[in-house]
Amino acid sequence: MATITVKPEARSRGGCRHAGGMHRFQLATLAGGAALLLLATAGGAVAQGLSLDSFDLDSVAPSDPRPPAQSPEAGASSASRLSDCLVSGGADCAGSAQKSAKSFSLDDLQNLGVIEEAPEPVAAAAASPAERQEARAAIAVEEARPLPSIDIEVLFAYDDDQPLASEYGKITELATALSDPRLADKRFVLLGHTDAAGGDAYNLALSQRRSEALAEALSQASGLPRSRFVASGRGERDLKNPYAPEAGENRRVQILLVGR
């Protein structure tokens, strides 16, 4: 704190009352100025002290680990991009969704028992033997083609079949994407995958439960019938990165589009 020294003026002998009064006035003025300066300085110190004292680390809310909430426009844009990703079969993807590392055809899913084989069309059954043979060959070619599919990461708690609370924003975005009119004639096959930690039978059952939980969540969030979703678990059988079998990238859900 600065110290202000007030030095009295030299008084002449026989100084008059006016001079003495002036001297007292000057002293009072200087003292008043000094008091104001001291008060201002002290006030600043007090203000700073209150500000620092009131900054209590225990009262500061911890940072929210969840991502900031998106605006409706941003959410709709993300869902639209995800729809484009699905419709393109992974060719037009960005963000957490990407083209599937493992492709499946309709024939594959039927052989695995994921979906039932469609009955032969009535028109084909009524056709001539040659026409039936030609139709069956065309169907076989179509069923052997890889289905449009993408991989998307949905996080689950360790040894749990329910998605983490932090994932519901992503699930809502995915549900909006699946409601795209371009996908109105599709069913959605959800294949759950795990890493290679743990036993094969255990991982197979866990991936089945997780895919079913995700199907339920997507059906509720999108308003689409549960029958539009087919859930199946693959366990550790189709590792995305077989060179790192316990890596997190192997824990994923694969979404395939199948005609209704």
C-alpha atoms as a PDB file:
ATOM      1  CA  MET A   1       0.000   0.000   0.000  1.00  0.00           C
ATOM      2  CA  ALA A   2       1.350   3.448  -0.921  1.00  0.00           C
ATOM      3  CA  THR A   3       2.122   5.881   1.948  1.00  0.00           C
ATOM      4  CA  ILE A   4       1.179   9.526   1.517  1.00  0.00           C
ATOM      5  CA  THR A   5       3.121  12.035   3.618  1.00  0.00           C
ATOM      6  CA  VAL A   6       1.560  15.427   4.193  1.00  0.00           C
ATOM      7  CA  LYS A   7       4.278  18.064   4.757  1.00  0.00           C
ATOM      8  CA  PRO A   8       3.000  21.263   6.484  1.00  0.00           C
ATOM      9  CA  GLU A   9       3.921  24.573   4.896  1.00  0.00           C
ATOM     10  CA  ALA A  10       6.318  26.903   6.747  1.00  0.00           C
ATOM     11  CA  ARG A  11       4.364  29.535   8.586  1.00  0.00           C
ATOM     12  CA  SER A  12       5.637  33.116   8.663  1.00  0.00           C
ATOM     13  CA  ARG A  13       5.940  34.843  11.915  1.00  0.00           C
ATOM     14  CA  GLY A  14       2.867  36.806  12.668  1.00  0.00           C
ATOM     15  CA  GLY A  15       0.848  34.782  10.210  1.00  0.00           C
ATOM     16  CA  CYS A  16      -2.785  35.871  10.081  1.00  0.00           C
ATOM     17  CA  ARG A  17      -5.893  33.859  10.798  1.00  0.00           C
ATOM     18  CA  HIS A  18      -6.611  33.757   7.068  1.00  0.00           C
ATOM     19  CA  ALA A  19      -3.271  32.134   6.391  1.00  0.00           C
ATOM     20  CA  GLY A  20      -3.848  29.614   9.166  1.00  0.00           C
ATOM     21  CA  GLY A  21      -7.332  28.879   7.857  1.00  0.00           C
ATOM     22  CA  MET A  22      -5.955  28.405   4.376  1.00  0.00           C
ATOM     23  CA  HIS A  23      -3.337  26.085   5.741  1.00  0.00           C
ATOM     24  CA  ARG A  24      -5.965  24.032   7.553  1.00  0.00           C
ATOM     25  CA  PHE A  25      -8.089  23.972   4.408  1.00  0.00           C
ATOM     26  CA  GLN A  26      -5.142  22.688   2.398  1.00  0.00           C
ATOM     27  CA  LEU A  27      -4.425  20.046   5.000  1.00  0.00           C
ATOM     28  CA  ALA A  28      -8.060  19.003   5.065  1.00  0.00           C
ATOM     29  CA  THR A  29      -8.117  18.819   1.289  1.00  0.00           C
ATOM     30  CA  LEU A  30      -4.954  16.739   1.182  1.00  0.00           C
ATOM     31  CA  ALA A  31      -6.183  14.500   3.989  1.00  0.00           C
ATOM     32  CA  GLY A  32      -9.541  14.076   2.265  1.00  0.00           C
ATOM     33  CA  GLY A  33      -7.819  13.168  -1.006  1.00  0.00           C
ATOM     34  CA  ALA A  34      -5.592  10.715   0.800  1.00  0.00           C
ATOM     35  CA  ALA A  35      -8.602   9.167   2.479  1.00  0.00           C
ATOM     36  CA  LEU A  36     -10.407   8.817  -0.831  1.00  0.00           C
ATOM     37  CA  LEU A  37      -7.327   7.244  -2.398  1.00  0.00           C
ATOM     38  CA  LEU A  38      -6.936   4.868   0.527  1.00  0.00           C
ATOM     39  CA  LEU A  39     -10.631   3.998   0.366  1.00  0.00           C
ATOM     40  CA  ALA A  40     -10.460   3.339  -3.375  1.00  0.00           C
ATOM     41  CA  THR A  41      -7.366   1.212  -2.924  1.00  0.00           C
ATOM     42  CA  ALA A  42      -8.891  -0.684  -0.043  1.00  0.00           C
ATOM     43  CA  GLY A  43     -12.143  -1.050  -1.929  1.00  0.00           C
ATOM     44  CA  GLY A  44     -10.318  -2.632  -4.857  1.00  0.00           C
ATOM     45  CA  ALA A  45      -8.525  -4.971  -2.506  1.00  0.00           C
ATOM     46  CA  VAL A  46     -11.775  -5.919  -0.804  1.00  0.00           C
ATOM     47  CA  ALA A  47     -13.509  -6.515  -4.130  1.00  0.00           C
ATOM     48  CA  GLN A  48     -10.672  -8.688  -5.329  1.00  0.00           C
ATOM     49  CA  GLY A  49     -10.632 -10.553  -2.035  1.00  0.00           C
ATOM     50  CA  LEU A  50     -14.371 -11.284  -2.226  1.00  0.00           C
ATOM     51  CA  SER A  51     -14.056 -12.479  -5.764  1.00  0.00           C
ATOM     52  CA  LEU A  52     -11.267 -14.878  -4.932  1.00  0.00           C
ATOM     53  CA  ASP A  53     -12.796 -16.060  -1.671  1.00  0.00           C
ATOM     54  CA  SER A  54     -16.114 -16.840  -3.367  1.00  0.00           C
ATOM     55  CA  PHE A  55     -14.434 -19.042  -6.015  1.00  0.00           C
ATOM     56  CA  ASP A  56     -14.957 -22.373  -4.323  1.00  0.00           C
ATOM     57  CA  LEU A  57     -13.629 -25.339  -6.305  1.00  0.00           C
ATOM     58  CA  ASP A  58     -16.090 -27.612  -4.552  1.00  0.00           C
ATOM     59  CA  SER A  59     -18.992 -25.516  -5.834  1.00  0.00           C
ATOM     60  CA  VAL A  60     -17.913 -25.672  -9.469  1.00  0.00           C
ATOM     61  CA  ALA A  61     -20.027 -28.198 -11.396  1.00  0.00           C
ATOM     62  CA  PRO A  62     -17.899 -30.935 -12.963  1.00  0.00           C
ATOM     63  CA  SER A  63     -17.587 -30.857 -16.718  1.00  0.00           C
ATOM     64  CA  ASP A  64     -20.347 -32.792 -18.453  1.00  0.00           C
ATOM     65  CA  PRO A  65     -18.795 -35.825 -20.210  1.00  0.00           C
ATOM     66  CA  ARG A  66     -21.691 -35.977 -22.645  1.00  0.00           C
ATOM     67  CA  PRO A  67     -21.346 -34.209 -25.990  1.00  0.00           C
ATOM     68  CA  PRO A  68     -23.147 -30.873 -26.243  1.00  0.00           C
ATOM     69  CA  ALA A  69     -26.767 -31.172 -27.291  1.00  0.00           C
ATOM     70  CA  GLN A  70     -27.305 -30.729 -30.990  1.00  0.00           C
ATOM     71  CA  SER A  71     -29.833 -28.307 -32.373  1.00  0.00           C
ATOM     72  CA  PRO A  72     -32.802 -29.923 -34.163  1.00  0.00           C
ATOM     73  CA  GLU A  73     -31.389 -28.729 -37.478  1.00  0.00           C
ATOM     74  CA  ALA A  74     -27.978 -30.290 -36.782  1.00  0.00           C
ATOM     75  CA  GLY A  75     -29.608 -33.530 -35.617  1.00  0.00           C
ATOM     76  CA  ALA A  76     -31.753 -33.720 -38.743  1.00  0.00           C
ATOM     77  CA  SER A  77     -28.720 -33.093 -40.928  1.00  0.00           C
ATOM     78  CA  SER A  78     -26.759 -35.872 -39.191  1.00  0.00           C
ATOM     79  CA  ALA A  79     -29.694 -38.272 -39.566  1.00  0.00           C
ATOM     80  CA  SER A  80     -29.956 -37.386 -43.261  1.00  0.00           C
ATOM     81  CA  ARG A  81     -26.276 -38.151 -43.774  1.00  0.00           C
ATOM     82  CA  LEU A  82     -26.741 -41.438 -41.956  1.00  0.00           C
ATOM     83  CA  SER A  83     -29.693 -42.250 -44.221  1.00  0.00           C
ATOM     84  CA  ASP A  84     -27.508 -41.547 -47.246  1.00  0.00           C
ATOM     85  CA  CYS A  85     -24.908 -43.852 -45.752  1.00  0.00           C
ATOM     86  CA  LEU A  86     -27.462 -46.661 -45.399  1.00  0.00           C
ATOM     87  CA  VAL A  87     -29.018 -46.191 -48.835  1.00  0.00           C
ATOM     88  CA  SER A  88     -25.592 -46.190 -50.476  1.00  0.00           C
ATOM     89  CA  GLY A  89     -24.608 -49.372 -48.658  1.00  0.00           C
ATOM     90  CA  GLY A  90     -21.666 -47.664 -46.995  1.00  0.00           C
ATOM     91  CA  ALA A  91     -20.370 -45.803 -50.040  1.00  0.00           C
ATOM     92  CA  ASP A  92     -21.426 -42.388 -48.713  1.00  0.00           C
ATOM     93  CA  CYS A  93     -20.637 -42.511 -45.001  1.00  0.00           C
ATOM     94  CA  ALA A  94     -19.058 -40.178 -42.493  1.00  0.00           C
ATOM     95  CA  GLY A  95     -18.587 -40.007 -38.749  1.00  0.00           C
ATOM     96  CA  SER A  96     -19.044 -43.116 -36.627  1.00  0.00           C
ATOM     97  CA  ALA A  97     -20.801 -45.092 -39.390  1.00  0.00           C
ATOM     98  CA  GLN A  98     -18.822 -46.759 -42.148  1.00  0.00           C
ATOM     99  CA  LYS A  99     -19.059 -49.485 -44.730  1.00  0.00           C
ATOM    100  CA  SER A 100     -19.208 -52.901 -43.105  1.00  0.00           C
ATOM    101  CA  ALA A 101     -15.976 -54.811 -42.779  1.00  0.00           C
ATOM    102  CA  LYS A 102     -17.851 -58.079 -43.341  1.00  0.00           C
ATOM    103  CA  SER A 103     -20.413 -58.418 -46.126  1.00  0.00           C
ATOM    104  CA  PHE A 104     -23.416 -60.732 -46.069  1.00  0.00           C
ATOM    105  CA  SER A 105     -25.756 -61.705 -48.850  1.00  0.00           C
ATOM    106  CA  LEU A 106     -29.398 -62.633 -48.502  1.00  0.00           C
ATOM    107  CA  ASP A 107     -28.364 -66.209 -49.143  1.00  0.00           C
ATOM    108  CA  ASP A 108     -25.871 -65.979 -46.269  1.00  0.00           C
ATOM    109  CA  LEU A 109     -28.524 -64.741 -43.855  1.00  0.00           C
ATOM    110  CA  GLN A 110     -30.901 -67.497 -44.905  1.00  0.00           C
ATOM    111  CA  ASN A 111     -28.228 -70.164 -44.473  1.00  0.00           C
ATOM    112  CA  LEU A 112     -27.345 -68.776 -41.042  1.00  0.00           C
ATOM    113  CA  GLY A 113     -30.979 -68.881 -40.013  1.00  0.00           C
ATOM    114  CA  VAL A 114     -31.112 -65.147 -39.424  1.00  0.00           C
ATOM    115  CA  ILE A 115     -34.088 -64.735 -41.765  1.00  0.00           C
ATOM    116  CA  GLU A 116     -36.379 -67.273 -43.340  1.00  0.00           C
ATOM    117  CA  GLU A 117     -36.182 -68.141 -46.991  1.00  0.00           C
ATOM    118  CA  ALA A 118     -38.899 -66.447 -48.981  1.00  0.00           C
ATOM    119  CA  PRO A 119     -41.420 -68.767 -50.641  1.00  0.00           C
ATOM    120  CA  GLU A 120     -41.346 -69.096 -54.392  1.00  0.00           C
ATOM    121  CA  PRO A 121     -43.544 -66.484 -56.077  1.00  0.00           C
ATOM    122  CA  VAL A 122     -46.902 -67.799 -57.235  1.00  0.00           C
ATOM    123  CA  ALA A 123     -46.323 -66.502 -60.741  1.00  0.00           C
ATOM    124  CA  ALA A 124     -43.059 -68.452 -60.985  1.00  0.00           C
ATOM    125  CA  ALA A 125     -44.725 -71.630 -59.734  1.00  0.00           C
ATOM    126  CA  ALA A 126     -47.378 -71.337 -62.434  1.00  0.00           C
ATOM    127  CA  ALA A 127     -44.868 -70.759 -65.210  1.00  0.00           C
ATOM    128  CA  SER A 128     -43.412 -73.332 -67.547  1.00  0.00           C
ATOM    129  CA  PRO A 129     -40.430 -75.418 -66.382  1.00  0.00           C
ATOM    130  CA  ALA A 130     -38.036 -73.332 -68.489  1.00  0.00           C
ATOM    131  CA  GLU A 131     -39.442 -70.071 -67.143  1.00  0.00           C
ATOM    132  CA  ARG A 132     -39.253 -71.354 -63.580  1.00  0.00           C
ATOM    133  CA  GLN A 133     -35.644 -72.344 -64.072  1.00  0.00           C
ATOM    134  CA  GLU A 134     -34.815 -68.921 -65.466  1.00  0.00           C
ATOM    135  CA  ALA A 135     -36.618 -67.165 -62.596  1.00  0.00           C
ATOM    136  CA  ARG A 136     -34.839 -69.273 -60.002  1.00  0.00           C
ATOM    137  CA  ALA A 137     -31.469 -68.502 -61.586  1.00  0.00           C
ATOM    138  CA  ALA A 138     -32.221 -64.774 -61.458  1.00  0.00           C
ATOM    139  CA  ILE A 139     -33.295 -65.038 -57.818  1.00  0.00           C
ATOM    140  CA  ALA A 140     -30.127 -66.965 -56.965  1.00  0.00           C
ATOM    141  CA  VAL A 141     -27.985 -64.252 -58.511  1.00  0.00           C
ATOM    142  CA  GLU A 142     -29.868 -61.568 -56.614  1.00  0.00           C
ATOM    143  CA  GLU A 143     -29.648 -63.414 -53.319  1.00  0.00           C
ATOM    144  CA  ALA A 144     -25.909 -63.920 -53.710  1.00  0.00           C
ATOM    145  CA  ARG A 145     -25.234 -60.201 -53.982  1.00  0.00           C
ATOM    146  CA  PRO A 146     -23.851 -58.495 -50.872  1.00  0.00           C
ATOM    147  CA  LEU A 147     -26.577 -56.620 -49.037  1.00  0.00           C
ATOM    148  CA  PRO A 148     -26.217 -52.906 -48.304  1.00  0.00           C
ATOM    149  CA  SER A 149     -24.754 -52.758 -44.820  1.00  0.00           C
ATOM    150  CA  ILE A 150     -22.876 -50.437 -42.500  1.00  0.00           C
ATOM    151  CA  ASP A 151     -21.043 -50.784 -39.210  1.00  0.00           C
ATOM    152  CA  ILE A 152     -21.925 -48.413 -36.399  1.00  0.00           C
ATOM    153  CA  GLU A 153     -20.446 -48.314 -32.922  1.00  0.00           C
ATOM    154  CA  VAL A 154     -22.919 -48.461 -30.053  1.00  0.00           C
ATOM    155  CA  LEU A 155     -21.277 -48.682 -26.639  1.00  0.00           C
ATOM    156  CA  PHE A 156     -22.507 -51.009 -23.916  1.00  0.00           C
ATOM    157  CA  ALA A 157     -21.420 -51.296 -20.321  1.00  0.00           C
ATOM    158  CA  TYR A 158     -19.032 -54.141 -19.576  1.00  0.00           C
ATOM    159  CA  ASP A 159     -20.843 -57.469 -19.497  1.00  0.00           C
ATOM    160  CA  ASP A 160     -24.193 -55.711 -19.972  1.00  0.00           C
ATOM    161  CA  ASP A 161     -26.728 -55.863 -22.779  1.00  0.00           C
ATOM    162  CA  GLN A 162     -28.130 -52.334 -22.378  1.00  0.00           C
ATOM    163  CA  PRO A 163     -26.604 -49.385 -24.278  1.00  0.00           C
ATOM    164  CA  LEU A 164     -24.860 -46.745 -22.198  1.00  0.00           C
ATOM    165  CA  ALA A 165     -26.943 -43.669 -21.443  1.00  0.00           C
ATOM    166  CA  SER A 166     -24.484 -41.608 -23.473  1.00  0.00           C
ATOM    167  CA  GLU A 167     -25.407 -43.598 -26.595  1.00  0.00           C
ATOM    168  CA  TYR A 168     -29.083 -42.675 -26.736  1.00  0.00           C
ATOM    169  CA  GLY A 169     -28.394 -39.554 -28.771  1.00  0.00           C
ATOM    170  CA  LYS A 170     -26.765 -41.763 -31.395  1.00  0.00           C
ATOM    171  CA  ILE A 171     -29.649 -44.246 -31.199  1.00  0.00           C
ATOM    172  CA  THR A 172     -32.181 -41.447 -31.724  1.00  0.00           C
ATOM    173  CA  GLU A 173     -30.203 -40.209 -34.722  1.00  0.00           C
ATOM    174  CA  LEU A 174     -30.086 -43.729 -36.157  1.00  0.00           C
ATOM    175  CA  ALA A 175     -33.819 -44.198 -35.546  1.00  0.00           C
ATOM    176  CA  THR A 176     -34.526 -41.008 -37.482  1.00  0.00           C
ATOM    177  CA  ALA A 177     -32.337 -42.249 -40.331  1.00  0.00           C
ATOM    178  CA  LEU A 178     -34.168 -45.587 -40.476  1.00  0.00           C
ATOM    179  CA  SER A 179     -37.463 -43.699 -40.824  1.00  0.00           C
ATOM    180  CA  ASP A 180     -36.290 -42.231 -44.146  1.00  0.00           C
ATOM    181  CA  PRO A 181     -38.951 -42.790 -46.859  1.00  0.00           C
ATOM    182  CA  ARG A 182     -36.268 -44.292 -49.117  1.00  0.00           C
ATOM    183  CA  LEU A 183     -36.052 -47.201 -46.673  1.00  0.00           C
ATOM    184  CA  ALA A 184     -39.803 -47.783 -46.378  1.00  0.00           C
ATOM    185  CA  ASP A 185     -39.572 -51.104 -48.239  1.00  0.00           C
ATOM    186  CA  LYS A 186     -36.717 -52.444 -46.100  1.00  0.00           C
ATOM    187  CA  ARG A 187     -36.289 -54.524 -43.005  1.00  0.00           C
ATOM    188  CA  PHE A 188     -33.261 -53.912 -40.817  1.00  0.00           C
ATOM    189  CA  VAL A 189     -31.070 -56.819 -39.769  1.00  0.00           C
ATOM    190  CA  LEU A 190     -28.972 -55.973 -36.717  1.00  0.00           C
ATOM    191  CA  LEU A 191     -25.956 -58.225 -36.279  1.00  0.00           C
ATOM    192  CA  GLY A 192     -24.203 -57.848 -32.944  1.00  0.00           C
ATOM    193  CA  HIS A 193     -20.433 -58.460 -32.816  1.00  0.00           C
ATOM    194  CA  THR A 194     -18.056 -58.804 -29.873  1.00  0.00           C
ATOM    195  CA  ASP A 195     -14.308 -58.969 -29.467  1.00  0.00           C
ATOM    196  CA  ALA A 196     -12.546 -62.249 -28.751  1.00  0.00           C
ATOM    197  CA  ALA A 197     -12.218 -61.767 -24.996  1.00  0.00           C
ATOM    198  CA  GLY A 198     -14.143 -64.495 -23.193  1.00  0.00           C
ATOM    199  CA  GLY A 199     -15.623 -67.738 -24.454  1.00  0.00           C
ATOM    200  CA  ASP A 200     -17.259 -68.155 -27.840  1.00  0.00           C
ATOM    201  CA  ALA A 201     -20.612 -69.336 -26.475  1.00  0.00           C
ATOM    202  CA  TYR A 202     -20.733 -66.517 -23.937  1.00  0.00           C
ATOM    203  CA  ASN A 203     -19.917 -63.869 -26.559  1.00  0.00           C
ATOM    204  CA  LEU A 204     -22.501 -65.303 -28.935  1.00  0.00           C
ATOM    205  CA  ALA A 205     -25.237 -65.037 -26.299  1.00  0.00           C
ATOM    206  CA  LEU A 206     -24.112 -61.552 -25.249  1.00  0.00           C
ATOM    207  CA  SER A 207     -24.117 -60.251 -28.824  1.00  0.00           C
ATOM    208  CA  GLN A 208     -27.612 -61.681 -29.331  1.00  0.00           C
ATOM    209  CA  ARG A 209     -28.938 -59.882 -26.255  1.00  0.00           C
ATOM    210  CA  ARG A 210     -27.276 -56.641 -27.275  1.00  0.00           C
ATOM    211  CA  SER A 211     -28.691 -56.723 -30.799  1.00  0.00           C
ATOM    212  CA  GLU A 212     -32.176 -57.420 -29.406  1.00  0.00           C
ATOM    213  CA  ALA A 213     -31.859 -54.534 -26.922  1.00  0.00           C
ATOM    214  CA  LEU A 214     -30.813 -52.220 -29.741  1.00  0.00           C
ATOM    215  CA  ALA A 215     -33.700 -53.398 -31.923  1.00  0.00           C
ATOM    216  CA  GLU A 216     -36.151 -52.595 -29.116  1.00  0.00           C
ATOM    217  CA  ALA A 217     -34.604 -49.159 -28.571  1.00  0.00           C
ATOM    218  CA  LEU A 218     -34.673 -48.323 -32.289  1.00  0.00           C
ATOM    219  CA  SER A 219     -38.268 -49.493 -32.652  1.00  0.00           C
ATOM    220  CA  GLN A 220     -39.384 -47.308 -29.740  1.00  0.00           C
ATOM    221  CA  ALA A 221     -37.378 -44.271 -30.866  1.00  0.00           C
ATOM    222  CA  SER A 222     -38.458 -44.475 -34.511  1.00  0.00           C
ATOM    223  CA  GLY A 223     -42.044 -45.596 -34.034  1.00  0.00           C
ATOM    224  CA  LEU A 224     -41.436 -48.350 -36.586  1.00  0.00           C
ATOM    225  CA  PRO A 225     -42.949 -51.783 -35.893  1.00  0.00           C
ATOM    226  CA  ARG A 226     -40.675 -54.191 -34.073  1.00  0.00           C
ATOM    227  CA  SER A 227     -41.263 -56.622 -36.949  1.00  0.00           C
ATOM    228  CA  ARG A 228     -39.151 -54.355 -39.174  1.00  0.00           C
ATOM    229  CA  PHE A 229     -36.097 -55.251 -37.076  1.00  0.00           C
ATOM    230  CA  VAL A 230     -34.349 -58.623 -37.104  1.00  0.00           C
ATOM    231  CA  ALA A 231     -31.815 -59.113 -34.313  1.00  0.00           C
ATOM    232  CA  SER A 232     -29.057 -61.692 -34.383  1.00  0.00           C
ATOM    233  CA  GLY A 233     -25.745 -62.190 -32.610  1.00  0.00           C
ATOM    234  CA  ARG A 234     -22.507 -63.216 -34.244  1.00  0.00           C
ATOM    235  CA  GLY A 235     -20.284 -63.129 -31.187  1.00  0.00           C
ATOM    236  CA  GLU A 236     -16.608 -63.142 -32.089  1.00  0.00           C
ATOM    237  CA  ARG A 237     -17.031 -65.016 -35.367  1.00  0.00           C
ATOM    238  CA  ASP A 238     -16.596 -62.034 -37.690  1.00  0.00           C
ATOM    239  CA  LEU A 239     -13.846 -59.914 -36.182  1.00  0.00           C
ATOM    240  CA  LYS A 240     -13.367 -56.590 -37.855  1.00  0.00           C
ATOM    241  CA  ASN A 241      -9.680 -56.665 -36.984  1.00  0.00           C
ATOM    242  CA  PRO A 242      -8.509 -60.272 -36.618  1.00  0.00           C
ATOM    243  CA  TYR A 243      -4.954 -59.047 -35.961  1.00  0.00           C
ATOM    244  CA  ALA A 244      -6.163 -57.403 -32.730  1.00  0.00           C
ATOM    245  CA  PRO A 245      -8.951 -59.725 -31.622  1.00  0.00           C
ATOM    246  CA  GLU A 246      -9.629 -57.935 -28.336  1.00  0.00           C
ATOM    247  CA  ALA A 247      -9.623 -54.424 -29.837  1.00  0.00           C
ATOM    248  CA  GLY A 248     -12.642 -52.208 -29.290  1.00  0.00           C
ATOM    249  CA  GLU A 249     -13.318 -51.844 -33.012  1.00  0.00           C
ATOM    250  CA  ASN A 250     -14.507 -55.458 -33.045  1.00  0.00           C
ATOM    251  CA  ARG A 251     -17.367 -54.558 -30.677  1.00  0.00           C
ATOM    252  CA  ARG A 252     -19.952 -53.169 -33.056  1.00  0.00           C
ATOM    253  CA  VAL A 253     -23.409 -53.541 -34.541  1.00  0.00           C
ATOM    254  CA  GLN A 254     -23.810 -54.223 -38.240  1.00  0.00           C
ATOM    255  CA  ILE A 255     -26.977 -53.033 -39.969  1.00  0.00           C
ATOM    256  CA  LEU A 256     -28.085 -54.730 -43.181  1.00  0.00           C
ATOM    257  CA  LEU A 257     -30.978 -53.736 -45.424  1.00  0.00           C
ATOM    258  CA  VAL A 258     -33.268 -56.537 -46.570  1.00  0.00           C
ATOM    259  CA  GLY A 259     -36.371 -56.258 -48.709  1.00  0.00           C
ATOM    260  CA  ARG A 260     -39.676 -56.673 -46.890  1.00  0.00           C
END
